[in-house]
N, C-alpha and C. Protein backbone atom coordinates (compact mmCIF):
# COMPACT_ATOMS: atom_id res chain seq x y z
N MET A 1 94.41 -83.85 143.56
CA MET A 1 93.62 -83.59 142.55
C MET A 1 92.73 -82.72 143.56
N ILE A 2 92.41 -81.15 142.63
CA ILE A 2 91.18 -80.80 143.53
C ILE A 2 90.20 -81.01 143.04
N PHE A 3 89.18 -80.69 143.78
CA PHE A 3 87.79 -81.49 143.68
C PHE A 3 86.94 -80.00 144.34
N LEU A 4 85.93 -79.23 143.58
CA LEU A 4 85.59 -78.27 143.80
C LEU A 4 84.12 -78.87 144.33
N LYS A 5 83.14 -78.55 145.52
CA LYS A 5 82.17 -79.38 146.44
C LYS A 5 81.42 -78.27 146.72
N MET A 6 80.05 -78.70 147.13
CA MET A 6 79.57 -78.40 148.18
C MET A 6 78.68 -76.58 147.37
N PHE A 7 78.46 -76.62 145.72
CA PHE A 7 78.08 -75.67 145.01
C PHE A 7 76.78 -75.70 144.27
N LEU A 8 75.96 -75.04 144.34
CA LEU A 8 74.90 -74.85 143.03
C LEU A 8 75.76 -74.46 142.34
N TYR A 9 76.05 -73.14 142.05
CA TYR A 9 76.64 -72.11 140.94
C TYR A 9 78.00 -71.82 141.35
N ARG A 10 78.67 -72.59 140.39
CA ARG A 10 80.11 -72.21 140.48
C ARG A 10 80.42 -70.62 139.55
N ASN A 11 81.21 -69.60 139.62
CA ASN A 11 81.84 -68.64 138.73
C ASN A 11 83.02 -68.73 139.04
N LEU A 12 83.85 -69.35 137.63
CA LEU A 12 85.14 -69.52 137.74
C LEU A 12 85.71 -68.67 136.60
N GLU A 13 85.15 -67.52 136.28
CA GLU A 13 85.58 -66.55 135.69
C GLU A 13 87.01 -65.75 135.72
N ASN A 14 87.69 -65.92 134.64
CA ASN A 14 88.96 -65.07 134.76
C ASN A 14 89.71 -65.29 135.61
N ASN A 15 90.11 -66.91 135.16
CA ASN A 15 90.99 -67.11 136.86
C ASN A 15 92.27 -67.83 135.90
N ARG A 16 92.61 -68.08 134.79
CA ARG A 16 93.80 -68.28 133.94
C ARG A 16 93.48 -69.59 134.34
N ILE A 17 92.40 -70.09 134.16
CA ILE A 17 92.65 -71.89 134.10
C ILE A 17 92.50 -72.74 132.16
N GLN A 18 93.41 -73.37 132.13
CA GLN A 18 94.03 -73.72 131.04
C GLN A 18 93.03 -74.96 130.33
N PHE A 19 93.03 -76.03 131.89
CA PHE A 19 92.80 -77.35 131.15
C PHE A 19 91.55 -77.64 133.13
N ILE A 20 90.73 -78.21 132.62
CA ILE A 20 89.27 -78.70 133.22
C ILE A 20 89.55 -80.26 133.43
N PRO A 21 90.24 -80.90 134.63
CA PRO A 21 90.52 -82.31 134.97
C PRO A 21 89.10 -83.31 134.69
N SER A 22 89.36 -84.34 134.24
CA SER A 22 88.34 -85.34 134.64
C SER A 22 87.69 -85.22 136.10
N ASN A 23 86.19 -85.40 136.10
CA ASN A 23 85.54 -85.43 137.57
C ASN A 23 85.94 -84.37 138.58
N VAL A 24 86.35 -83.61 138.10
CA VAL A 24 86.99 -81.99 138.99
C VAL A 24 85.57 -81.62 139.84
N PHE A 25 84.26 -81.99 139.19
CA PHE A 25 82.97 -81.38 139.80
C PHE A 25 82.21 -82.78 140.62
N ALA A 26 83.02 -83.82 140.58
CA ALA A 26 82.32 -85.29 141.08
C ALA A 26 81.69 -85.13 142.52
N LEU A 27 82.38 -84.20 142.91
CA LEU A 27 81.46 -84.15 144.68
C LEU A 27 80.51 -83.09 144.47
N ASN A 28 80.31 -82.64 143.40
CA ASN A 28 79.32 -81.53 143.40
C ASN A 28 78.19 -81.59 142.33
N LYS A 29 77.12 -82.86 142.57
CA LYS A 29 76.02 -83.50 141.86
C LYS A 29 75.32 -82.43 141.34
N GLN A 30 74.49 -81.89 142.35
CA GLN A 30 73.93 -80.84 142.57
C GLN A 30 74.09 -79.52 141.66
N LEU A 31 75.50 -79.29 141.25
CA LEU A 31 75.90 -78.25 140.38
C LEU A 31 74.67 -78.02 139.73
N ARG A 32 74.40 -76.92 139.19
CA ARG A 32 72.82 -76.33 138.18
C ARG A 32 73.92 -75.23 137.11
N SER A 33 75.19 -74.64 137.53
CA SER A 33 75.46 -73.30 136.47
C SER A 33 77.31 -73.70 136.63
N ILE A 34 77.90 -73.49 135.60
CA ILE A 34 79.33 -73.18 135.51
C ILE A 34 79.41 -71.93 134.75
N LYS A 35 80.13 -71.14 135.46
CA LYS A 35 80.79 -69.63 134.38
C LYS A 35 82.02 -69.88 134.25
N LEU A 36 82.72 -70.18 132.97
CA LEU A 36 84.23 -70.36 132.42
C LEU A 36 84.79 -69.64 132.04
N ARG A 37 83.85 -67.97 131.81
CA ARG A 37 84.51 -67.08 130.58
C ARG A 37 85.52 -66.21 130.99
N GLY A 38 86.47 -66.01 129.99
CA GLY A 38 87.40 -65.37 130.62
C GLY A 38 88.56 -66.08 130.61
N ASN A 39 88.66 -67.36 130.47
CA ASN A 39 89.83 -68.25 131.16
C ASN A 39 90.52 -69.06 129.38
N PRO A 40 91.75 -69.06 129.53
CA PRO A 40 92.50 -69.62 128.27
C PRO A 40 92.06 -71.06 128.25
N ILE A 41 91.03 -71.66 128.16
CA ILE A 41 90.82 -73.37 128.48
C ILE A 41 91.55 -73.89 127.30
N LEU A 42 92.36 -74.67 127.13
CA LEU A 42 92.79 -75.59 125.87
C LEU A 42 92.13 -76.22 125.92
N SER A 43 91.82 -77.73 126.82
CA SER A 43 91.37 -78.69 126.88
C SER A 43 90.30 -79.35 127.94
N PHE A 44 89.49 -79.96 128.06
CA PHE A 44 88.75 -80.80 128.98
C PHE A 44 89.08 -81.84 129.31
N GLY A 45 89.50 -82.64 130.55
CA GLY A 45 89.15 -84.07 130.76
C GLY A 45 87.82 -84.57 130.03
N VAL A 46 88.03 -86.21 129.80
CA VAL A 46 87.06 -86.78 129.09
C VAL A 46 85.65 -86.54 129.77
N ASN A 47 85.84 -87.24 131.24
CA ASN A 47 84.67 -86.89 131.79
C ASN A 47 84.41 -85.32 133.10
N ALA A 48 84.97 -84.37 132.61
CA ALA A 48 84.99 -83.19 133.42
C ALA A 48 83.49 -82.82 133.86
N PHE A 49 82.53 -83.19 133.24
CA PHE A 49 81.37 -82.86 133.64
C PHE A 49 80.30 -84.15 133.69
N GLN A 50 81.17 -85.32 133.58
CA GLN A 50 80.57 -86.58 134.42
C GLN A 50 79.46 -86.57 135.23
N GLY A 51 78.31 -86.84 135.29
CA GLY A 51 77.48 -86.83 136.83
C GLY A 51 76.73 -85.67 137.31
N LEU A 52 76.68 -84.78 136.16
CA LEU A 52 76.43 -83.51 136.55
C LEU A 52 75.06 -83.08 135.75
N ALA A 53 73.75 -84.46 136.45
CA ALA A 53 72.22 -84.39 135.83
C ALA A 53 71.82 -83.11 135.99
N TYR A 54 71.87 -81.89 137.33
CA TYR A 54 71.33 -80.53 137.18
C TYR A 54 72.24 -79.92 136.40
N LEU A 55 73.16 -79.57 135.65
CA LEU A 55 74.13 -78.78 135.09
C LEU A 55 72.82 -78.41 134.04
N GLY A 56 72.49 -77.10 133.60
CA GLY A 56 71.49 -76.30 133.01
C GLY A 56 72.37 -75.11 132.11
N GLU A 57 73.12 -74.64 132.47
CA GLU A 57 74.28 -73.91 132.28
C GLU A 57 75.94 -74.05 132.38
N LEU A 58 76.39 -73.65 131.03
CA LEU A 58 77.66 -73.78 130.87
C LEU A 58 78.29 -72.77 130.10
N TYR A 59 78.70 -71.49 131.01
CA TYR A 59 79.21 -70.53 130.12
C TYR A 59 80.72 -70.45 129.90
N GLY A 60 81.50 -70.19 128.51
CA GLY A 60 82.42 -70.06 128.31
C GLY A 60 82.68 -69.34 127.33
N SER A 61 84.18 -69.25 127.35
CA SER A 61 84.82 -68.36 125.77
C SER A 61 85.97 -69.40 125.40
N PHE A 62 85.30 -70.50 124.51
CA PHE A 62 86.55 -71.61 124.03
C PHE A 62 85.53 -72.32 122.86
N HIS A 63 86.05 -72.66 122.24
CA HIS A 63 85.67 -73.25 120.92
C HIS A 63 85.88 -75.12 121.18
N LEU A 64 84.79 -75.38 121.09
CA LEU A 64 85.08 -77.12 120.93
C LEU A 64 84.56 -77.97 120.17
N THR A 65 85.24 -78.78 119.69
CA THR A 65 84.66 -79.86 119.26
C THR A 65 84.29 -80.91 119.72
N LEU A 66 82.82 -81.68 119.51
CA LEU A 66 82.68 -82.39 119.99
C LEU A 66 82.79 -84.01 119.34
N LEU A 67 83.28 -84.87 119.82
CA LEU A 67 83.01 -86.20 119.06
C LEU A 67 82.21 -87.14 119.75
N ILE A 68 81.32 -87.51 119.38
CA ILE A 68 80.30 -88.37 119.75
C ILE A 68 80.38 -89.70 119.06
N THR A 69 80.45 -90.79 119.97
CA THR A 69 81.10 -91.88 119.25
C THR A 69 79.67 -93.43 119.26
């Protein structure tokens, strides 16, 4: 498992990312912005963005279906 840590802003644009795993940002609780544009993202792990209380910006080129239970 790869963890991305110690950043406030992550620019992951145009990296051929297809899946964002659960808890991939778990060690980076101060993250404020994630840029994912230009990636063929097909799905996100259930807890991909869990614990990111300061995340204010999420940029991407994807269509999501949000299920609230």
